[in-house]
């Protein structure tokens, strides 16, 4: 029961943060809209910790640590979730 409550809460929080960019109006480009755990972005040969509302440049690579994930807004046309073991590149 406790595990189910945790999953429901995670889903609700994800939905709230994922909907935020659409409520504010679509922005051009790809943006980080939700981060859980260790998520890093490598762009221009440098790696840094991902932050919410960060814009992604072309060629950026998103990597997640154990138990981590990130949601990316696709120029106001949808969302993509990066999970453990699924590195994502912005081409």
N, C-alpha and C. Protein backbone atom coordinates (compact mmCIF):
# COMPACT_ATOMS: atom_id res chain seq x y z
N UNK A 1 0.82 -1.19 0.00
CA UNK A 1 0.00 0.00 0.00
C UNK A 1 0.87 1.26 0.00
N UNK A 2 1.92 1.26 0.83
CA UNK A 2 2.81 2.41 0.92
C UNK A 2 3.50 2.63 -0.43
N UNK A 3 3.90 1.54 -1.08
CA UNK A 3 4.57 1.62 -2.38
C UNK A 3 3.63 2.21 -3.43
N UNK A 4 2.37 1.83 -3.38
CA UNK A 4 1.39 2.34 -4.33
C UNK A 4 1.16 3.84 -4.14
N UNK A 5 1.08 4.28 -2.88
CA UNK A 5 0.91 5.70 -2.60
C UNK A 5 2.09 6.50 -3.14
N UNK A 6 3.29 5.94 -2.98
CA UNK A 6 4.49 6.61 -3.47
C UNK A 6 4.44 6.75 -4.99
N UNK A 7 4.03 5.69 -5.68
CA UNK A 7 3.95 5.73 -7.15
C UNK A 7 2.90 6.72 -7.62
N UNK A 8 1.77 6.76 -6.92
CA UNK A 8 0.72 7.71 -7.29
C UNK A 8 1.21 9.14 -7.09
N UNK A 9 1.89 9.40 -5.98
CA UNK A 9 2.42 10.73 -5.71
C UNK A 9 3.45 11.13 -6.76
N UNK A 10 4.32 10.20 -7.16
CA UNK A 10 5.31 10.49 -8.19
C UNK A 10 4.62 10.84 -9.50
N UNK A 11 3.56 10.11 -9.84
CA UNK A 11 2.83 10.38 -11.08
C UNK A 11 2.17 11.75 -11.04
N UNK A 12 1.60 12.11 -9.90
CA UNK A 12 0.94 13.42 -9.76
C UNK A 12 1.97 14.54 -9.88
N UNK A 13 3.09 14.41 -9.19
CA UNK A 13 4.13 15.43 -9.26
C UNK A 13 4.66 15.56 -10.68
N UNK A 14 4.88 14.43 -11.34
CA UNK A 14 5.35 14.45 -12.73
C UNK A 14 4.35 15.18 -13.62
N UNK A 15 3.08 14.88 -13.46
CA UNK A 15 2.05 15.52 -14.27
C UNK A 15 2.01 17.03 -14.04
N UNK A 16 2.11 17.45 -12.79
CA UNK A 16 2.09 18.88 -12.48
C UNK A 16 3.25 19.60 -13.15
N UNK A 17 4.46 19.06 -13.01
CA UNK A 17 5.63 19.71 -13.61
C UNK A 17 5.62 19.60 -15.12
N UNK A 18 5.13 18.50 -15.64
CA UNK A 18 5.10 18.32 -17.09
C UNK A 18 4.10 19.26 -17.74
N UNK A 19 3.03 19.58 -17.05
CA UNK A 19 2.00 20.46 -17.59
C UNK A 19 2.38 21.93 -17.49
N UNK A 20 3.31 22.27 -16.63
CA UNK A 20 3.68 23.67 -16.40
C UNK A 20 4.08 24.42 -17.67
N UNK A 21 4.93 23.86 -18.53
CA UNK A 21 5.30 24.61 -19.73
C UNK A 21 4.11 24.89 -20.65
N UNK A 22 3.15 23.97 -20.69
CA UNK A 22 2.00 24.16 -21.56
C UNK A 22 1.05 25.21 -20.99
N UNK A 23 0.95 25.27 -19.67
CA UNK A 23 0.10 26.27 -19.03
C UNK A 23 0.66 27.67 -19.25
N UNK A 24 1.97 27.79 -19.28
CA UNK A 24 2.62 29.09 -19.46
C UNK A 24 2.72 29.49 -20.93
N UNK A 25 2.39 28.59 -21.83
CA UNK A 25 2.52 28.85 -23.25
C UNK A 25 3.75 28.16 -23.79
N UNK A 26 3.62 27.60 -24.94
CA UNK A 26 4.72 26.81 -25.51
C UNK A 26 5.92 27.70 -25.81
N UNK A 27 7.10 27.17 -25.53
CA UNK A 27 8.34 27.87 -25.84
C UNK A 27 9.02 27.13 -26.97
N UNK A 28 9.83 27.85 -27.74
CA UNK A 28 10.60 27.20 -28.79
C UNK A 28 11.73 26.41 -28.17
N UNK A 29 12.11 25.33 -28.81
CA UNK A 29 13.24 24.54 -28.36
C UNK A 29 12.86 23.47 -27.36
N UNK A 30 13.87 22.71 -26.96
CA UNK A 30 13.69 21.63 -26.00
C UNK A 30 14.12 22.13 -24.63
N UNK A 31 13.31 21.83 -23.61
CA UNK A 31 13.59 22.31 -22.25
C UNK A 31 13.42 21.19 -21.25
N UNK A 32 14.25 21.20 -20.21
CA UNK A 32 14.11 20.27 -19.10
C UNK A 32 12.94 20.77 -18.25
N UNK A 33 11.93 19.91 -18.03
CA UNK A 33 10.77 20.34 -17.25
C UNK A 33 10.64 19.61 -15.92
N UNK A 34 11.37 18.50 -15.73
CA UNK A 34 11.26 17.74 -14.48
C UNK A 34 12.51 16.89 -14.33
N UNK A 35 13.07 16.87 -13.13
CA UNK A 35 14.28 16.09 -12.84
C UNK A 35 14.11 15.36 -11.52
N UNK A 36 14.46 14.08 -11.51
CA UNK A 36 14.49 13.29 -10.27
C UNK A 36 15.85 12.62 -10.20
N UNK A 37 16.58 12.84 -9.12
CA UNK A 37 17.87 12.18 -8.92
C UNK A 37 19.00 12.81 -9.70
N UNK A 38 19.95 11.96 -10.09
CA UNK A 38 21.16 12.41 -10.78
C UNK A 38 20.94 12.44 -12.29
N UNK A 39 20.81 13.64 -12.83
CA UNK A 39 20.64 13.82 -14.27
C UNK A 39 21.68 14.83 -14.72
N UNK A 40 22.45 14.46 -15.74
CA UNK A 40 23.48 15.37 -16.24
C UNK A 40 23.27 15.64 -17.72
N UNK A 41 23.77 16.79 -18.15
CA UNK A 41 23.70 17.19 -19.54
C UNK A 41 25.12 17.48 -20.01
N UNK A 42 25.48 16.89 -21.13
CA UNK A 42 26.77 17.16 -21.74
C UNK A 42 26.51 17.93 -23.03
N UNK A 43 27.09 19.11 -23.14
CA UNK A 43 26.94 19.96 -24.32
C UNK A 43 28.21 20.77 -24.49
N UNK A 44 28.67 20.89 -25.71
CA UNK A 44 29.87 21.66 -25.97
C UNK A 44 31.10 21.13 -25.26
N UNK A 45 31.13 19.82 -25.01
CA UNK A 45 32.28 19.20 -24.35
C UNK A 45 32.30 19.35 -22.84
N UNK A 46 31.27 19.97 -22.27
CA UNK A 46 31.20 20.15 -20.82
C UNK A 46 29.96 19.46 -20.26
N UNK A 47 30.11 18.88 -19.06
CA UNK A 47 29.01 18.19 -18.39
C UNK A 47 28.62 18.95 -17.13
N UNK A 48 27.31 19.08 -16.92
CA UNK A 48 26.80 19.75 -15.72
C UNK A 48 25.50 19.09 -15.27
N UNK A 49 25.09 19.39 -14.05
CA UNK A 49 23.85 18.86 -13.50
C UNK A 49 22.67 19.55 -14.19
N UNK A 50 21.68 18.76 -14.59
CA UNK A 50 20.49 19.31 -15.25
C UNK A 50 19.64 20.09 -14.24
N UNK A 51 19.05 21.18 -14.71
CA UNK A 51 18.16 21.98 -13.87
C UNK A 51 16.84 22.21 -14.62
N UNK A 52 15.76 22.30 -13.86
CA UNK A 52 14.44 22.53 -14.45
C UNK A 52 14.43 23.87 -15.17
N UNK A 53 13.78 23.92 -16.32
CA UNK A 53 13.65 25.08 -17.21
C UNK A 53 14.90 25.36 -18.04
N UNK A 54 15.87 24.48 -17.96
CA UNK A 54 17.09 24.64 -18.77
C UNK A 54 16.78 24.33 -20.23
N UNK A 55 17.26 25.18 -21.13
CA UNK A 55 17.12 24.94 -22.56
C UNK A 55 18.24 24.02 -23.02
N UNK A 56 17.91 23.12 -23.92
CA UNK A 56 18.91 22.19 -24.44
C UNK A 56 19.38 22.66 -25.81
N UNK A 57 20.67 22.64 -26.00
CA UNK A 57 21.24 23.02 -27.29
C UNK A 57 21.34 21.79 -28.18
N UNK A 58 21.44 22.03 -29.47
CA UNK A 58 21.58 20.93 -30.41
C UNK A 58 22.83 20.13 -30.08
N UNK A 59 22.71 18.81 -30.07
CA UNK A 59 23.83 17.94 -29.76
C UNK A 59 23.98 17.60 -28.29
N UNK A 60 23.13 18.17 -27.43
CA UNK A 60 23.21 17.89 -25.99
C UNK A 60 22.87 16.43 -25.71
N UNK A 61 23.57 15.84 -24.75
CA UNK A 61 23.34 14.46 -24.33
C UNK A 61 22.86 14.47 -22.89
N UNK A 62 21.73 13.82 -22.64
CA UNK A 62 21.15 13.74 -21.30
C UNK A 62 21.42 12.34 -20.77
N UNK A 63 22.01 12.25 -19.58
CA UNK A 63 22.31 10.96 -18.96
C UNK A 63 21.72 10.94 -17.55
N UNK A 64 21.20 9.78 -17.14
CA UNK A 64 20.58 9.64 -15.83
C UNK A 64 21.31 8.62 -14.99
N UNK A 65 21.37 8.87 -13.68
CA UNK A 65 21.98 7.94 -12.74
C UNK A 65 20.96 6.92 -12.27
N UNK A 66 21.36 6.06 -11.38
CA UNK A 66 20.50 5.01 -10.84
C UNK A 66 19.27 5.62 -10.16
N UNK A 67 18.09 5.15 -10.52
CA UNK A 67 16.85 5.63 -9.93
C UNK A 67 16.48 7.05 -10.33
N UNK A 68 17.06 7.55 -11.41
CA UNK A 68 16.85 8.93 -11.84
C UNK A 68 16.07 9.00 -13.14
N UNK A 69 15.52 10.19 -13.43
CA UNK A 69 14.82 10.42 -14.69
C UNK A 69 14.69 11.91 -14.94
N UNK A 70 14.38 12.25 -16.18
CA UNK A 70 14.13 13.65 -16.54
C UNK A 70 13.06 13.69 -17.62
N UNK A 71 12.20 14.70 -17.56
CA UNK A 71 11.21 14.93 -18.60
C UNK A 71 11.66 16.14 -19.41
N UNK A 72 11.56 16.01 -20.73
CA UNK A 72 11.99 17.05 -21.65
C UNK A 72 10.79 17.49 -22.48
N UNK A 73 10.54 18.80 -22.53
CA UNK A 73 9.49 19.35 -23.39
C UNK A 73 10.06 19.46 -24.80
N UNK A 74 9.31 18.95 -25.78
CA UNK A 74 9.77 18.95 -27.16
C UNK A 74 9.13 20.11 -27.92
N UNK A 75 9.62 21.29 -27.67
CA UNK A 75 9.17 22.50 -28.36
C UNK A 75 7.66 22.67 -28.28
N UNK A 76 7.08 22.32 -27.13
CA UNK A 76 5.65 22.47 -26.95
C UNK A 76 4.80 21.46 -27.70
N UNK A 77 5.45 20.43 -28.27
CA UNK A 77 4.72 19.44 -29.08
C UNK A 77 4.67 18.07 -28.43
N UNK A 78 5.08 17.98 -27.18
CA UNK A 78 5.05 16.70 -26.49
C UNK A 78 6.15 16.63 -25.45
N UNK A 79 6.21 15.49 -24.79
CA UNK A 79 7.21 15.26 -23.75
C UNK A 79 7.96 13.98 -24.03
N UNK A 80 9.20 13.95 -23.56
CA UNK A 80 10.02 12.75 -23.65
C UNK A 80 10.60 12.52 -22.26
N UNK A 81 10.63 11.27 -21.84
CA UNK A 81 11.20 10.94 -20.52
C UNK A 81 12.51 10.18 -20.73
N UNK A 82 13.58 10.69 -20.11
CA UNK A 82 14.87 10.00 -20.10
C UNK A 82 14.98 9.23 -18.80
N UNK A 83 15.18 7.91 -18.90
CA UNK A 83 15.28 7.06 -17.71
C UNK A 83 16.67 6.43 -17.65
N UNK A 84 16.90 5.70 -16.57
CA UNK A 84 18.18 5.01 -16.38
C UNK A 84 18.45 4.08 -17.55
N UNK A 85 19.66 4.14 -18.06
CA UNK A 85 20.06 3.25 -19.15
C UNK A 85 19.54 3.67 -20.51
N UNK A 86 18.94 4.85 -20.60
CA UNK A 86 18.43 5.34 -21.87
C UNK A 86 18.96 6.75 -22.15
N UNK A 87 20.25 6.89 -22.47
CA UNK A 87 20.76 8.23 -22.75
C UNK A 87 20.02 8.82 -23.95
N UNK A 88 19.79 10.12 -23.92
CA UNK A 88 19.03 10.80 -24.97
C UNK A 88 19.90 11.91 -25.54
N UNK A 89 19.92 12.02 -26.86
CA UNK A 89 20.68 13.08 -27.52
C UNK A 89 19.71 13.99 -28.27
N UNK A 90 19.94 15.30 -28.20
CA UNK A 90 19.15 16.28 -28.95
C UNK A 90 19.87 16.49 -30.27
N UNK A 91 19.29 15.96 -31.33
CA UNK A 91 19.94 16.05 -32.65
C UNK A 91 19.44 17.24 -33.43
